Structures are given as C-alpha cells and as structure tokens.
Amino acid sequence: SRTTIFSPEGRLYQVEYAMEAINHAGIAIGVLGSDGVVLGAEKKIASKLLDNVKGSEKMYKVDDHCAVAVAGITADANILVN
C-alpha cells in the first residue's frame, strides 16, 4: 500500500527511515586505470556478535567482462543486478 505516515512533528517517517538506512550503508568506489579497473566496497558489520560471512555481499560478477560494486542497501541492489 502507498500510505504516507507523518510524525506528530509533521515529518515523513518514510523519509526518516530512508535517511537512517543510508547512514548505515557502506560505500563503494571504482578506479579506472590504463590497463584495468579496480572496484572496492566497504562491508559494515552490524554487530560484533554476528559471524563473519565469507565472500562479499557488495560485489557481484555479472559476466566475464562486467562486475558491480554496491553502495547502499544490498536488497535493492539484488533486484538491479538480477
């Protein structure tokens, strides 16, 4: 449903939630060199009590010639990458 919910102060909760999600997201950067490209992404750990997952949730191989580095919410990126 497309319901807009305002706080008692008149702010939009959806905007506040989106801004908070952005603050918790990691960054990604790509550097183009003369003979290749380097992609890097920050993987933030939500809690030190959680086990470290092997592999990267922020880097995706699309095919043999294309890769994607994700900055932001990985659930949103999964839809774009697929």
Protein backbone atom coordinates (compact mmCIF):
# COMPACT_ATOMS: atom_id res chain seq x y z
CA SER A 1 0.00 0.00 0.00
CA ARG A 2 1.15 3.55 -0.61
CA THR A 3 0.37 5.13 2.72
CA THR A 4 2.11 8.30 3.84
CA ILE A 5 2.62 8.49 7.59
CA PHE A 6 3.53 11.73 9.31
CA SER A 7 5.15 12.06 12.72
CA PRO A 8 3.47 14.29 15.33
CA GLU A 9 6.05 16.96 14.39
CA GLY A 10 4.91 16.84 10.73
CA ARG A 11 7.89 14.92 9.29
CA LEU A 12 7.53 11.94 6.97
CA TYR A 13 8.52 8.66 8.61
CA GLN A 14 9.44 7.07 5.25
CA VAL A 15 11.99 9.81 4.56
CA GLU A 16 13.48 9.48 8.03
CA TYR A 17 13.76 5.69 7.67
CA ALA A 18 15.42 6.08 4.25
CA MET A 19 17.93 8.60 5.59
CA GLU A 20 18.75 6.29 8.51
CA ALA A 21 19.27 3.36 6.11
CA ILE A 22 21.67 5.48 4.03
CA ASN A 23 23.67 6.33 7.14
CA HIS A 24 24.15 2.61 7.87
CA ALA A 25 25.13 1.67 4.30
CA GLY A 26 28.72 1.17 3.19
CA ILE A 27 30.48 2.96 0.37
CA ALA A 28 31.75 1.64 -2.97
CA ILE A 29 34.33 3.08 -5.33
CA GLY A 30 35.68 2.25 -8.76
CA VAL A 31 39.04 3.35 -10.15
CA LEU A 32 39.84 3.22 -13.87
CA GLY A 33 43.48 2.59 -14.75
CA SER A 34 45.24 2.41 -18.09
CA ASP A 35 45.03 -1.39 -18.16
CA GLY A 36 42.07 -2.24 -15.91
CA VAL A 37 39.50 -1.31 -13.31
CA VAL A 38 39.60 -1.74 -9.54
CA LEU A 39 36.35 -1.97 -7.56
CA GLY A 40 36.25 -1.69 -3.78
CA ALA A 41 33.38 -1.76 -1.31
CA GLU A 42 33.10 -1.28 2.43
CA LYS A 43 31.42 -4.10 4.28
CA LYS A 44 29.97 -2.83 7.53
CA ILE A 45 29.48 -5.28 10.38
CA ALA A 46 26.09 -4.76 12.04
CA SER A 47 27.12 -6.48 15.27
CA LYS A 48 30.35 -7.93 16.59
CA LEU A 49 28.28 -10.86 17.88
CA LEU A 50 27.37 -11.98 14.35
CA ASP A 51 29.54 -14.49 12.48
CA ASN A 52 31.55 -13.13 9.58
CA VAL A 53 30.14 -14.31 6.27
CA LYS A 54 32.74 -15.48 3.76
CA GLY A 55 32.59 -13.67 0.45
CA SER A 56 31.38 -10.22 -0.33
CA GLU A 57 27.81 -9.01 -0.27
CA LYS A 58 28.79 -5.79 -2.01
CA MET A 59 30.50 -7.19 -5.13
CA TYR A 60 28.68 -9.04 -7.92
CA LYS A 61 30.03 -10.71 -11.04
CA VAL A 62 27.53 -10.09 -13.83
CA ASP A 63 29.52 -11.95 -16.52
CA ASP A 64 33.16 -12.48 -17.58
CA HIS A 65 33.55 -8.81 -18.56
CA CYS A 66 31.29 -6.99 -16.07
CA ALA A 67 31.20 -6.61 -12.29
CA VAL A 68 29.16 -4.40 -9.96
CA ALA A 69 30.11 -2.77 -6.66
CA VAL A 70 27.12 -1.92 -4.47
CA ALA A 71 26.86 1.16 -2.26
CA GLY A 72 23.74 1.17 -0.17
CA ILE A 73 21.17 -1.44 0.65
CA THR A 74 22.11 -4.82 -0.85
CA ALA A 75 18.49 -5.99 -1.09
CA ASP A 76 17.78 -3.14 -3.51
CA ALA A 77 20.94 -3.93 -5.45
CA ASN A 78 19.99 -7.61 -5.85
CA ILE A 79 16.97 -6.59 -7.91
CA LEU A 80 19.07 -4.31 -10.13
CA VAL A 81 21.86 -6.86 -10.62
CA ASN A 82 19.44 -9.67 -11.48
